Structure formats: structure tokens, C-alpha cells
PDB file of N, CA and C in Angstrom:
ATOM      1  N   MET A   1     -26.359  14.180 -13.628  1.00  0.00           N
ATOM      2  CA  MET A   1     -26.277  13.522 -12.341  1.00  0.00           C
ATOM      3  C   MET A   1     -27.220  14.230 -11.382  1.00  0.00           C
ATOM      4  N   ALA A   2     -27.809  13.457 -10.539  1.00  0.00           N
ATOM      5  CA  ALA A   2     -28.812  13.994  -9.627  1.00  0.00           C
ATOM      6  C   ALA A   2     -28.213  14.969  -8.611  1.00  0.00           C
ATOM      7  N   GLY A   3     -26.963  14.763  -8.207  1.00  0.00           N
ATOM      8  CA  GLY A   3     -26.316  15.697  -7.303  1.00  0.00           C
ATOM      9  C   GLY A   3     -26.496  15.425  -5.824  1.00  0.00           C
ATOM     10  N   HIS A   4     -27.362  14.541  -5.451  1.00  0.00           N
ATOM     11  CA  HIS A   4     -27.537  14.241  -4.032  1.00  0.00           C
ATOM     12  C   HIS A   4     -26.883  12.899  -3.712  1.00  0.00           C
ATOM     13  N   LEU A   5     -26.491  12.743  -2.480  1.00  0.00           N
ATOM     14  CA  LEU A   5     -25.830  11.513  -2.058  1.00  0.00           C
ATOM     15  C   LEU A   5     -26.814  10.587  -1.363  1.00  0.00           C
ATOM     16  N   VAL A   6     -26.604   9.312  -1.560  1.00  0.00           N
ATOM     17  CA  VAL A   6     -27.389   8.282  -0.890  1.00  0.00           C
ATOM     18  C   VAL A   6     -26.434   7.549   0.044  1.00  0.00           C
ATOM     19  N   LYS A   7     -26.804   7.484   1.300  1.00  0.00           N
ATOM     20  CA  LYS A   7     -25.958   6.861   2.304  1.00  0.00           C
ATOM     21  C   LYS A   7     -26.415   5.427   2.536  1.00  0.00           C
ATOM     22  N   ARG A   8     -25.444   4.511   2.534  1.00  0.00           N
ATOM     23  CA  ARG A   8     -25.716   3.108   2.843  1.00  0.00           C
ATOM     24  C   ARG A   8     -24.789   2.695   3.983  1.00  0.00           C
ATOM     25  N   SER A   9     -25.264   1.829   4.849  1.00  0.00           N
ATOM     26  CA  SER A   9     -24.466   1.367   5.981  1.00  0.00           C
ATOM     27  C   SER A   9     -24.105  -0.102   5.804  1.00  0.00           C
ATOM     28  N   PHE A  10     -22.867  -0.417   6.166  1.00  0.00           N
ATOM     29  CA  PHE A  10     -22.342  -1.765   6.061  1.00  0.00           C
ATOM     30  C   PHE A  10     -21.528  -2.074   7.309  1.00  0.00           C
ATOM     31  N   THR A  11     -21.333  -3.363   7.582  1.00  0.00           N
ATOM     32  CA  THR A  11     -20.403  -3.784   8.614  1.00  0.00           C
ATOM     33  C   THR A  11     -19.186  -4.365   7.912  1.00  0.00           C
ATOM     34  N   LEU A  12     -18.048  -3.707   8.104  1.00  0.00           N
ATOM     35  CA  LEU A  12     -16.795  -4.120   7.487  1.00  0.00           C
ATOM     36  C   LEU A  12     -15.787  -4.378   8.587  1.00  0.00           C
ATOM     37  N   ALA A  13     -15.205  -5.561   8.582  1.00  0.00           N
ATOM     38  CA  ALA A  13     -14.206  -5.942   9.586  1.00  0.00           C
ATOM     39  C   ALA A  13     -14.736  -5.706  11.006  1.00  0.00           C
ATOM     40  N   GLY A  14     -16.019  -5.997  11.198  1.00  0.00           N
ATOM     41  CA  GLY A  14     -16.612  -5.869  12.523  1.00  0.00           C
ATOM     42  C   GLY A  14     -16.998  -4.460  12.934  1.00  0.00           C
ATOM     43  N   HIS A  15     -16.835  -3.500  12.030  1.00  0.00           N
ATOM     44  CA  HIS A  15     -17.166  -2.107  12.345  1.00  0.00           C
ATOM     45  C   HIS A  15     -18.245  -1.604  11.404  1.00  0.00           C
ATOM     46  N   ARG A  16     -19.211  -0.924  11.963  1.00  0.00           N
ATOM     47  CA  ARG A  16     -20.290  -0.341  11.172  1.00  0.00           C
ATOM     48  C   ARG A  16     -19.776   0.932  10.518  1.00  0.00           C
ATOM     49  N   THR A  17     -20.019   1.067   9.221  1.00  0.00           N
ATOM     50  CA  THR A  17     -19.593   2.263   8.505  1.00  0.00           C
ATOM     51  C   THR A  17     -20.674   2.672   7.519  1.00  0.00           C
ATOM     52  N   SER A  18     -20.738   3.946   7.231  1.00  0.00           N
ATOM     53  CA  SER A  18     -21.670   4.469   6.236  1.00  0.00           C
ATOM     54  C   SER A  18     -20.880   5.034   5.078  1.00  0.00           C
ATOM     55  N   ILE A  19     -21.401   4.796   3.890  1.00  0.00           N
ATOM     56  CA  ILE A  19     -20.771   5.280   2.670  1.00  0.00           C
ATOM     57  C   ILE A  19     -21.817   6.081   1.912  1.00  0.00           C
ATOM     58  N   ALA A  20     -21.454   7.287   1.515  1.00  0.00           N
ATOM     59  CA  ALA A  20     -22.365   8.150   0.758  1.00  0.00           C
ATOM     60  C   ALA A  20     -21.852   8.281  -0.670  1.00  0.00           C
ATOM     61  N   LEU A  21     -22.688   7.880  -1.616  1.00  0.00           N
ATOM     62  CA  LEU A  21     -22.370   7.996  -3.041  1.00  0.00           C
ATOM     63  C   LEU A  21     -23.595   8.526  -3.777  1.00  0.00           C
ATOM     64  N   GLU A  22     -23.360   9.047  -4.953  1.00  0.00           N
ATOM     65  CA  GLU A  22     -24.452   9.457  -5.816  1.00  0.00           C
ATOM     66  C   GLU A  22     -25.217   8.199  -6.256  1.00  0.00           C
ATOM     67  N   PRO A  23     -26.523   8.337  -6.488  1.00  0.00           N
ATOM     68  CA  PRO A  23     -27.333   7.165  -6.869  1.00  0.00           C
ATOM     69  C   PRO A  23     -26.808   6.435  -8.104  1.00  0.00           C
ATOM     70  N   GLU A  24     -26.227   7.172  -9.026  1.00  0.00           N
ATOM     71  CA  GLU A  24     -25.710   6.554 -10.249  1.00  0.00           C
ATOM     72  C   GLU A  24     -24.555   5.596  -9.946  1.00  0.00           C
ATOM     73  N   PHE A  25     -23.722   5.946  -8.966  1.00  0.00           N
ATOM     74  CA  PHE A  25     -22.635   5.047  -8.580  1.00  0.00           C
ATOM     75  C   PHE A  25     -23.189   3.797  -7.918  1.00  0.00           C
ATOM     76  N   TRP A  26     -24.170   3.970  -7.032  1.00  0.00           N
ATOM     77  CA  TRP A  26     -24.773   2.796  -6.394  1.00  0.00           C
ATOM     78  C   TRP A  26     -25.386   1.879  -7.448  1.00  0.00           C
ATOM     79  N   ALA A  27     -26.047   2.457  -8.445  1.00  0.00           N
ATOM     80  CA  ALA A  27     -26.679   1.648  -9.493  1.00  0.00           C
ATOM     81  C   ALA A  27     -25.634   0.846 -10.269  1.00  0.00           C
ATOM     82  N   ALA A  28     -24.510   1.475 -10.595  1.00  0.00           N
ATOM     83  CA  ALA A  28     -23.446   0.772 -11.321  1.00  0.00           C
ATOM     84  C   ALA A  28     -22.867  -0.356 -10.477  1.00  0.00           C
ATOM     85  N   LEU A  29     -22.669  -0.097  -9.189  1.00  0.00           N
ATOM     86  CA  LEU A  29     -22.117  -1.120  -8.299  1.00  0.00           C
ATOM     87  C   LEU A  29     -23.100  -2.270  -8.084  1.00  0.00           C
ATOM     88  N   GLU A  30     -24.376  -1.952  -7.945  1.00  0.00           N
ATOM     89  CA  GLU A  30     -25.396  -2.999  -7.792  1.00  0.00           C
ATOM     90  C   GLU A  30     -25.475  -3.869  -9.045  1.00  0.00           C
ATOM     91  N   ALA A  31     -25.387  -3.237 -10.220  1.00  0.00           N
ATOM     92  CA  ALA A  31     -25.427  -3.990 -11.475  1.00  0.00           C
ATOM     93  C   ALA A  31     -24.214  -4.909 -11.589  1.00  0.00           C
ATOM     94  N   GLU A  32     -23.051  -4.428 -11.173  1.00  0.00           N
ATOM     95  CA  GLU A  32     -21.847  -5.264 -11.210  1.00  0.00           C
ATOM     96  C   GLU A  32     -21.955  -6.426 -10.235  1.00  0.00           C
ATOM     97  N   ALA A  33     -22.465  -6.173  -9.048  1.00  0.00           N
ATOM     98  CA  ALA A  33     -22.657  -7.253  -8.081  1.00  0.00           C
ATOM     99  C   ALA A  33     -23.597  -8.312  -8.661  1.00  0.00           C
ATOM    100  N   ALA A  34     -24.681  -7.877  -9.268  1.00  0.00           N
ATOM    101  CA  ALA A  34     -25.633  -8.822  -9.868  1.00  0.00           C
ATOM    102  C   ALA A  34     -24.969  -9.602 -11.002  1.00  0.00           C
ATOM    103  N   ARG A  35     -24.168  -8.915 -11.810  1.00  0.00           N
ATOM    104  CA  ARG A  35     -23.466  -9.580 -12.907  1.00  0.00           C
ATOM    105  C   ARG A  35     -22.554 -10.677 -12.368  1.00  0.00           C
ATOM    106  N   ARG A  36     -21.946 -10.420 -11.217  1.00  0.00           N
ATOM    107  CA  ARG A  36     -21.048 -11.397 -10.588  1.00  0.00           C
ATOM    108  C   ARG A  36     -21.804 -12.467  -9.807  1.00  0.00           C
ATOM    109  N   GLY A  37     -23.106 -12.280  -9.643  1.00  0.00           N
ATOM    110  CA  GLY A  37     -23.907 -13.232  -8.878  1.00  0.00           C
ATOM    111  C   GLY A  37     -23.686 -13.120  -7.381  1.00  0.00           C
ATOM    112  N   GLU A  38     -23.404 -11.906  -6.917  1.00  0.00           N
ATOM    113  CA  GLU A  38     -23.199 -11.688  -5.495  1.00  0.00           C
ATOM    114  C   GLU A  38     -23.985 -10.472  -5.039  1.00  0.00           C
ATOM    115  N   ASN A  39     -24.021 -10.244  -3.738  1.00  0.00           N
ATOM    116  CA  ASN A  39     -24.747  -9.076  -3.243  1.00  0.00           C
ATOM    117  C   ASN A  39     -23.802  -7.868  -3.157  1.00  0.00           C
ATOM    118  N   LEU A  40     -24.388  -6.718  -2.923  1.00  0.00           N
ATOM    119  CA  LEU A  40     -23.617  -5.476  -2.874  1.00  0.00           C
ATOM    120  C   LEU A  40     -22.587  -5.504  -1.753  1.00  0.00           C
ATOM    121  N   LEU A  41     -22.926  -6.081  -0.619  1.00  0.00           N
ATOM    122  CA  LEU A  41     -21.975  -6.149   0.490  1.00  0.00           C
ATOM    123  C   LEU A  41     -20.706  -6.872   0.064  1.00  0.00           C
ATOM    124  N   ARG A  42     -20.824  -7.983  -0.635  1.00  0.00           N
ATOM    125  CA  ARG A  42     -19.627  -8.737  -1.067  1.00  0.00           C
ATOM    126  C   ARG A  42     -18.762  -7.882  -1.987  1.00  0.00           C
ATOM    127  N   LEU A  43     -19.393  -7.104  -2.863  1.00  0.00           N
ATOM    128  CA  LEU A  43     -18.636  -6.224  -3.762  1.00  0.00           C
ATOM    129  C   LEU A  43     -17.921  -5.143  -2.960  1.00  0.00           C
ATOM    130  N   VAL A  44     -18.596  -4.563  -1.984  1.00  0.00           N
ATOM    131  CA  VAL A  44     -18.001  -3.527  -1.136  1.00  0.00           C
ATOM    132  C   VAL A  44     -16.849  -4.119  -0.319  1.00  0.00           C
ATOM    133  N   LEU A  45     -17.040  -5.312   0.223  1.00  0.00           N
ATOM    134  CA  LEU A  45     -15.969  -5.972   0.971  1.00  0.00           C
ATOM    135  C   LEU A  45     -14.746  -6.214   0.086  1.00  0.00           C
ATOM    136  N   ALA A  46     -14.971  -6.642  -1.141  1.00  0.00           N
ATOM    137  CA  ALA A  46     -13.860  -6.877  -2.071  1.00  0.00           C
ATOM    138  C   ALA A  46     -13.137  -5.574  -2.388  1.00  0.00           C
ATOM    139  N   ALA A  47     -13.879  -4.500  -2.614  1.00  0.00           N
ATOM    140  CA  ALA A  47     -13.266  -3.201  -2.895  1.00  0.00           C
ATOM    141  C   ALA A  47     -12.483  -2.708  -1.693  1.00  0.00           C
ATOM    142  N   ASP A  48     -13.016  -2.937  -0.508  1.00  0.00           N
ATOM    143  CA  ASP A  48     -12.338  -2.535   0.721  1.00  0.00           C
ATOM    144  C   ASP A  48     -11.013  -3.287   0.863  1.00  0.00           C
ATOM    145  N   ALA A  49     -11.036  -4.582   0.625  1.00  0.00           N
ATOM    146  CA  ALA A  49      -9.834  -5.407   0.754  1.00  0.00           C
ATOM    147  C   ALA A  49      -8.795  -5.086  -0.319  1.00  0.00           C
ATOM    148  N   ALA A  50      -9.251  -4.619  -1.481  1.00  0.00           N
ATOM    149  CA  ALA A  50      -8.349  -4.371  -2.605  1.00  0.00           C
ATOM    150  C   ALA A  50      -7.670  -3.003  -2.554  1.00  0.00           C
ATOM    151  N   ARG A  51      -8.070  -2.156  -1.615  1.00  0.00           N
ATOM    152  CA  ARG A  51      -7.447  -0.821  -1.553  1.00  0.00           C
ATOM    153  C   ARG A  51      -5.964  -0.948  -1.266  1.00  0.00           C
ATOM    154  N   ASP A  52      -5.138  -0.321  -2.122  1.00  0.00           N
ATOM    155  CA  ASP A  52      -3.693  -0.307  -1.901  1.00  0.00           C
ATOM    156  C   ASP A  52      -3.335   0.539  -0.689  1.00  0.00           C
ATOM    157  N   ASP A  53      -4.088   1.601  -0.512  1.00  0.00           N
ATOM    158  CA  ASP A  53      -3.826   2.537   0.581  1.00  0.00           C
ATOM    159  C   ASP A  53      -5.065   2.597   1.468  1.00  0.00           C
ATOM    160  N   PRO A  54      -5.011   2.015   2.667  1.00  0.00           N
ATOM    161  CA  PRO A  54      -6.187   2.034   3.545  1.00  0.00           C
ATOM    162  C   PRO A  54      -6.622   3.442   3.944  1.00  0.00           C
ATOM    163  N   ALA A  55      -5.755   4.434   3.751  1.00  0.00           N
ATOM    164  CA  ALA A  55      -6.123   5.819   4.054  1.00  0.00           C
ATOM    165  C   ALA A  55      -7.034   6.397   2.972  1.00  0.00           C
ATOM    166  N   LEU A  56      -7.053   5.762   1.807  1.00  0.00           N
ATOM    167  CA  LEU A  56      -7.947   6.195   0.731  1.00  0.00           C
ATOM    168  C   LEU A  56      -9.381   5.931   1.163  1.00  0.00           C
ATOM    169  N   PRO A  57     -10.242   6.930   1.097  1.00  0.00           N
ATOM    170  CA  PRO A  57     -11.635   6.704   1.510  1.00  0.00           C
ATOM    171  C   PRO A  57     -12.306   5.594   0.686  1.00  0.00           C
ATOM    172  N   LEU A  58     -13.072   4.763   1.361  1.00  0.00           N
ATOM    173  CA  LEU A  58     -13.761   3.682   0.668  1.00  0.00           C
ATOM    174  C   LEU A  58     -14.708   4.234  -0.390  1.00  0.00           C
ATOM    175  N   ALA A  59     -15.343   5.352  -0.123  1.00  0.00           N
ATOM    176  CA  ALA A  59     -16.228   5.960  -1.125  1.00  0.00           C
ATOM    177  C   ALA A  59     -15.456   6.260  -2.408  1.00  0.00           C
ATOM    178  N   SER A  60     -14.236   6.746  -2.283  1.00  0.00           N
ATOM    179  CA  SER A  60     -13.412   7.023  -3.466  1.00  0.00           C
ATOM    180  C   SER A  60     -13.078   5.734  -4.205  1.00  0.00           C
ATOM    181  N   ALA A  61     -12.722   4.697  -3.453  1.00  0.00           N
ATOM    182  CA  ALA A  61     -12.406   3.416  -4.077  1.00  0.00           C
ATOM    183  C   ALA A  61     -13.619   2.864  -4.828  1.00  0.00           C
ATOM    184  N   LEU A  62     -14.799   3.035  -4.277  1.00  0.00           N
ATOM    185  CA  LEU A  62     -16.015   2.552  -4.944  1.00  0.00           C
ATOM    186  C   LEU A  62     -16.331   3.361  -6.191  1.00  0.00           C
ATOM    187  N   ARG A  63     -16.091   4.667  -6.151  1.00  0.00           N
ATOM    188  CA  ARG A  63     -16.298   5.481  -7.353  1.00  0.00           C
ATOM    189  C   ARG A  63     -15.338   5.056  -8.459  1.00  0.00           C
ATOM    190  N   VAL A  64     -14.084   4.800  -8.102  1.00  0.00           N
ATOM    191  CA  VAL A  64     -13.101   4.348  -9.095  1.00  0.00           C
ATOM    192  C   VAL A  64     -13.514   2.994  -9.653  1.00  0.00           C
ATOM    193  N   LEU A  65     -13.975   2.103  -8.793  1.00  0.00           N
ATOM    194  CA  LEU A  65     -14.458   0.798  -9.263  1.00  0.00           C
ATOM    195  C   LEU A  65     -15.610   0.978 -10.253  1.00  0.00           C
ATOM    196  N   ALA A  66     -16.556   1.826  -9.936  1.00  0.00           N
ATOM    197  CA  ALA A  66     -17.681   2.080 -10.844  1.00  0.00           C
ATOM    198  C   ALA A  66     -17.198   2.649 -12.170  1.00  0.00           C
ATOM    199  N   LEU A  67     -16.199   3.517 -12.122  1.00  0.00           N
ATOM    200  CA  LEU A  67     -15.642   4.085 -13.343  1.00  0.00           C
ATOM    201  C   LEU A  67     -14.990   2.989 -14.182  1.00  0.00           C
ATOM    202  N   ARG A  68     -14.238   2.123 -13.549  1.00  0.00           N
ATOM    203  CA  ARG A  68     -13.603   1.016 -14.281  1.00  0.00           C
ATOM    204  C   ARG A  68     -14.634   0.095 -14.907  1.00  0.00           C
ATOM    205  N   ILE A  69     -15.711  -0.151 -14.196  1.00  0.00           N
ATOM    206  CA  ILE A  69     -16.803  -0.972 -14.724  1.00  0.00           C
ATOM    207  C   ILE A  69     -17.387  -0.311 -15.967  1.00  0.00           C
ATOM    208  N   ALA A  70     -17.620   0.994 -15.895  1.00  0.00           N
ATOM    209  CA  ALA A  70     -18.191   1.728 -17.018  1.00  0.00           C
ATOM    210  C   ALA A  70     -17.237   1.732 -18.212  1.00  0.00           C
ATOM    211  N   GLN A  71     -15.948   1.864 -17.958  1.00  0.00           N
ATOM    212  CA  GLN A  71     -14.965   1.878 -19.040  1.00  0.00           C
ATOM    213  C   GLN A  71     -14.848   0.510 -19.707  1.00  0.00           C
ATOM    214  N   ARG A  72     -15.068  -0.527 -18.925  1.00  0.00           N
ATOM    215  CA  ARG A  72     -15.003  -1.893 -19.455  1.00  0.00           C
ATOM    216  C   ARG A  72     -16.142  -2.127 -20.439  1.00  0.00           C
ATOM    217  N   GLY A  73     -17.262  -1.469 -20.154  1.00  0.00           N
ATOM    218  CA  GLY A  73     -18.426  -1.555 -21.013  1.00  0.00           C
ATOM    219  C   GLY A  73     -19.014  -2.882 -21.002  1.00  0.00           C
TER     220      GLY A  73
END
């Protein structure tokens, strides 16, 4: 893993937020969005809405999503 974080900014529920993930996680999420025929924002919005605990950081939820995608193969 490269070890550095890449920050991306999104508007979620009318609020601007930045999410920092390793490039490998962003690549997995972008590939999943493309597989679904949607853009990265739609995938991030879906992950945000699906969080059971809103106190859980969105970055953590996205990493877990990427892990699940990888496990699905």
C-alpha cells in the first residue's frame, strides 16, 4: 500500500465534507461505481445512507464497503 491518503470532497445532505482514503480504496470504490453504472458520488451517498451508526466515520464505512467488494471478488 502506498501509505498516503488522498482527500476527496463531496456534498452530502447539503454539507460539504472531505474524506481521506488510501488510493487503493478509492480505486476499488471507483471500480464498483463503474460496475454499477453510477458515479462515485452516488456510491458515497449510498454508503452514507446505509450506515447503521451515523457516529461511525464515513471513511470507515467506505473502507468496509471496499473490503466487502474485494471479498465478493
